[in-house]
Amino acid sequence: MLVLVTYDVNTETEGGKKRLRNVAKCCVKYGQRVQNSVFECVLDEAQYKLMQHQLLEIIDTNKDSLRFYNLGNKYQEKAEHFGAKPGYQAEGVLIM
């Protein structure tokens, strides 16, 4: 399933800046950054729960926010992209 993860981390303190870096590092392990604080992640249910748990361990729920949008397995029909930075096929072939 495709999960869209968005976050807003308060960076007024050094601790906040560290949390922001750690949230981004965690998200990179699971998906592709599509905007500054937005990741697209193709996950199974276990990966989804693990990612949620890891991110909730990082953020400060009194200062930061974290949102998960579950677009399901037929996400290709639910997402459109326009503008700069062309979209990518999350489950397509990756050439390195």
C-alpha atoms as a PDB file:
ATOM      1  CA  MET A   1       0.000   0.000   0.000  1.00  0.00           C
ATOM      2  CA  LEU A   2       1.112   3.573  -0.556  1.00  0.00           C
ATOM      3  CA  VAL A   3       1.356   5.738   2.555  1.00  0.00           C
ATOM      4  CA  LEU A   4       1.960   9.462   2.351  1.00  0.00           C
ATOM      5  CA  VAL A   5       3.842  10.690   5.426  1.00  0.00           C
ATOM      6  CA  THR A   6       3.948  14.389   6.282  1.00  0.00           C
ATOM      7  CA  TYR A   7       5.502  16.058   9.277  1.00  0.00           C
ATOM      8  CA  ASP A   8       6.093  19.436  10.856  1.00  0.00           C
ATOM      9  CA  VAL A   9       8.818  19.559  13.485  1.00  0.00           C
ATOM     10  CA  ASN A  10       9.386  22.613  15.656  1.00  0.00           C
ATOM     11  CA  THR A  11      13.017  23.627  15.037  1.00  0.00           C
ATOM     12  CA  GLU A  12      13.315  26.568  17.448  1.00  0.00           C
ATOM     13  CA  THR A  13      15.718  24.574  19.641  1.00  0.00           C
ATOM     14  CA  GLU A  14      18.710  22.335  18.954  1.00  0.00           C
ATOM     15  CA  GLY A  15      16.592  19.414  20.132  1.00  0.00           C
ATOM     16  CA  GLY A  16      13.986  20.259  17.508  1.00  0.00           C
ATOM     17  CA  LYS A  17      16.606  20.425  14.767  1.00  0.00           C
ATOM     18  CA  LYS A  18      17.882  17.012  15.829  1.00  0.00           C
ATOM     19  CA  ARG A  19      14.332  15.579  15.818  1.00  0.00           C
ATOM     20  CA  LEU A  20      13.796  16.969  12.312  1.00  0.00           C
ATOM     21  CA  ARG A  21      16.956  15.252  11.024  1.00  0.00           C
ATOM     22  CA  ASN A  22      15.986  11.991  12.735  1.00  0.00           C
ATOM     23  CA  VAL A  23      12.449  12.041  11.326  1.00  0.00           C
ATOM     24  CA  ALA A  24      13.822  12.566   7.817  1.00  0.00           C
ATOM     25  CA  LYS A  25      16.394   9.774   8.254  1.00  0.00           C
ATOM     26  CA  CYS A  26      13.686   7.396   9.424  1.00  0.00           C
ATOM     27  CA  CYS A  27      11.415   8.261   6.487  1.00  0.00           C
ATOM     28  CA  VAL A  28      14.245   7.774   3.970  1.00  0.00           C
ATOM     29  CA  LYS A  29      14.534   4.153   5.148  1.00  0.00           C
ATOM     30  CA  TYR A  30      10.936   3.499   4.100  1.00  0.00           C
ATOM     31  CA  GLY A  31      10.265   5.650   1.059  1.00  0.00           C
ATOM     32  CA  GLN A  32      10.997   8.478  -1.326  1.00  0.00           C
ATOM     33  CA  ARG A  33      11.037  12.173  -0.410  1.00  0.00           C
ATOM     34  CA  VAL A  34       8.670  14.021  -2.754  1.00  0.00           C
ATOM     35  CA  GLN A  35       8.712  17.397  -0.986  1.00  0.00           C
ATOM     36  CA  ASN A  36      10.627  18.835   1.965  1.00  0.00           C
ATOM     37  CA  SER A  37       8.524  17.202   4.672  1.00  0.00           C
ATOM     38  CA  VAL A  38       6.571  14.713   2.565  1.00  0.00           C
ATOM     39  CA  PHE A  39       7.448  11.092   1.796  1.00  0.00           C
ATOM     40  CA  GLU A  40       5.737   8.446  -0.332  1.00  0.00           C
ATOM     41  CA  CYS A  41       6.261   4.974   1.117  1.00  0.00           C
ATOM     42  CA  VAL A  42       5.169   1.630  -0.338  1.00  0.00           C
ATOM     43  CA  LEU A  43       4.749  -0.566   2.734  1.00  0.00           C
ATOM     44  CA  ASP A  44       3.080  -3.701   3.952  1.00  0.00           C
ATOM     45  CA  GLU A  45       1.075  -3.570   7.186  1.00  0.00           C
ATOM     46  CA  ALA A  46       3.986  -4.634   9.400  1.00  0.00           C
ATOM     47  CA  GLN A  47       6.350  -2.050   7.899  1.00  0.00           C
ATOM     48  CA  TYR A  48       3.666   0.616   8.273  1.00  0.00           C
ATOM     49  CA  LYS A  49       3.206  -0.104  11.995  1.00  0.00           C
ATOM     50  CA  LEU A  50       6.967  -0.268  12.567  1.00  0.00           C
ATOM     51  CA  MET A  51       7.522   3.056  10.805  1.00  0.00           C
ATOM     52  CA  GLN A  52       4.729   4.702  12.808  1.00  0.00           C
ATOM     53  CA  HIS A  53       6.208   3.395  16.046  1.00  0.00           C
ATOM     54  CA  GLN A  54       9.715   4.595  15.175  1.00  0.00           C
ATOM     55  CA  LEU A  55       8.522   8.068  14.182  1.00  0.00           C
ATOM     56  CA  LEU A  56       6.375   8.439  17.283  1.00  0.00           C
ATOM     57  CA  GLU A  57       9.449   7.611  19.367  1.00  0.00           C
ATOM     58  CA  ILE A  58      11.291  10.523  17.721  1.00  0.00           C
ATOM     59  CA  ILE A  59       8.797  13.393  17.707  1.00  0.00           C
ATOM     60  CA  ASP A  60       7.628  15.533  20.604  1.00  0.00           C
ATOM     61  CA  THR A  61       3.823  15.324  20.373  1.00  0.00           C
ATOM     62  CA  ASN A  62       3.511  18.593  22.284  1.00  0.00           C
ATOM     63  CA  LYS A  63       5.493  20.538  19.664  1.00  0.00           C
ATOM     64  CA  ASP A  64       5.536  18.504  16.433  1.00  0.00           C
ATOM     65  CA  SER A  65       2.972  16.900  14.164  1.00  0.00           C
ATOM     66  CA  LEU A  66       3.001  13.774  12.057  1.00  0.00           C
ATOM     67  CA  ARG A  67       0.335  12.706   9.549  1.00  0.00           C
ATOM     68  CA  PHE A  68      -0.155   9.440   7.665  1.00  0.00           C
ATOM     69  CA  TYR A  69      -2.387   9.204   4.602  1.00  0.00           C
ATOM     70  CA  ASN A  70      -3.073   5.614   3.560  1.00  0.00           C
ATOM     71  CA  LEU A  71      -3.737   5.589  -0.196  1.00  0.00           C
ATOM     72  CA  GLY A  72      -4.056   1.803  -0.347  1.00  0.00           C
ATOM     73  CA  ASN A  73      -2.970  -0.614  -3.049  1.00  0.00           C
ATOM     74  CA  LYS A  74      -4.638   1.153  -5.985  1.00  0.00           C
ATOM     75  CA  TYR A  75      -2.816   4.404  -5.357  1.00  0.00           C
ATOM     76  CA  GLN A  76      -1.819   4.883  -9.013  1.00  0.00           C
ATOM     77  CA  GLU A  77      -5.374   6.061  -9.682  1.00  0.00           C
ATOM     78  CA  LYS A  78      -5.373   8.441  -6.693  1.00  0.00           C
ATOM     79  CA  ALA A  79      -2.211  10.478  -7.223  1.00  0.00           C
ATOM     80  CA  GLU A  80      -1.436  13.029  -9.917  1.00  0.00           C
ATOM     81  CA  HIS A  81       1.716  15.087 -10.270  1.00  0.00           C
ATOM     82  CA  PHE A  82       2.179  18.450 -12.021  1.00  0.00           C
ATOM     83  CA  GLY A  83       5.170  20.746 -12.189  1.00  0.00           C
ATOM     84  CA  ALA A  84       8.846  20.468 -11.395  1.00  0.00           C
ATOM     85  CA  LYS A  85      10.604  17.354 -10.161  1.00  0.00           C
ATOM     86  CA  PRO A  86       8.923  14.622 -12.188  1.00  0.00           C
ATOM     87  CA  GLY A  87       7.109  11.906 -10.292  1.00  0.00           C
ATOM     88  CA  TYR A  88       8.452   8.382 -10.030  1.00  0.00           C
ATOM     89  CA  GLN A  89       6.975   4.898 -10.123  1.00  0.00           C
ATOM     90  CA  ALA A  90       7.227   3.706  -6.523  1.00  0.00           C
ATOM     91  CA  GLU A  91       7.096   0.067  -7.565  1.00  0.00           C
ATOM     92  CA  GLY A  92       8.752   0.498 -10.943  1.00  0.00           C
ATOM     93  CA  VAL A  93      12.190  -0.574 -12.114  1.00  0.00           C
ATOM     94  CA  LEU A  94      15.110   1.206 -10.466  1.00  0.00           C
ATOM     95  CA  ILE A  95      18.209   1.660 -12.635  1.00  0.00           C
ATOM     96  CA  MET A  96      21.426   2.561 -10.854  1.00  0.00           C
END
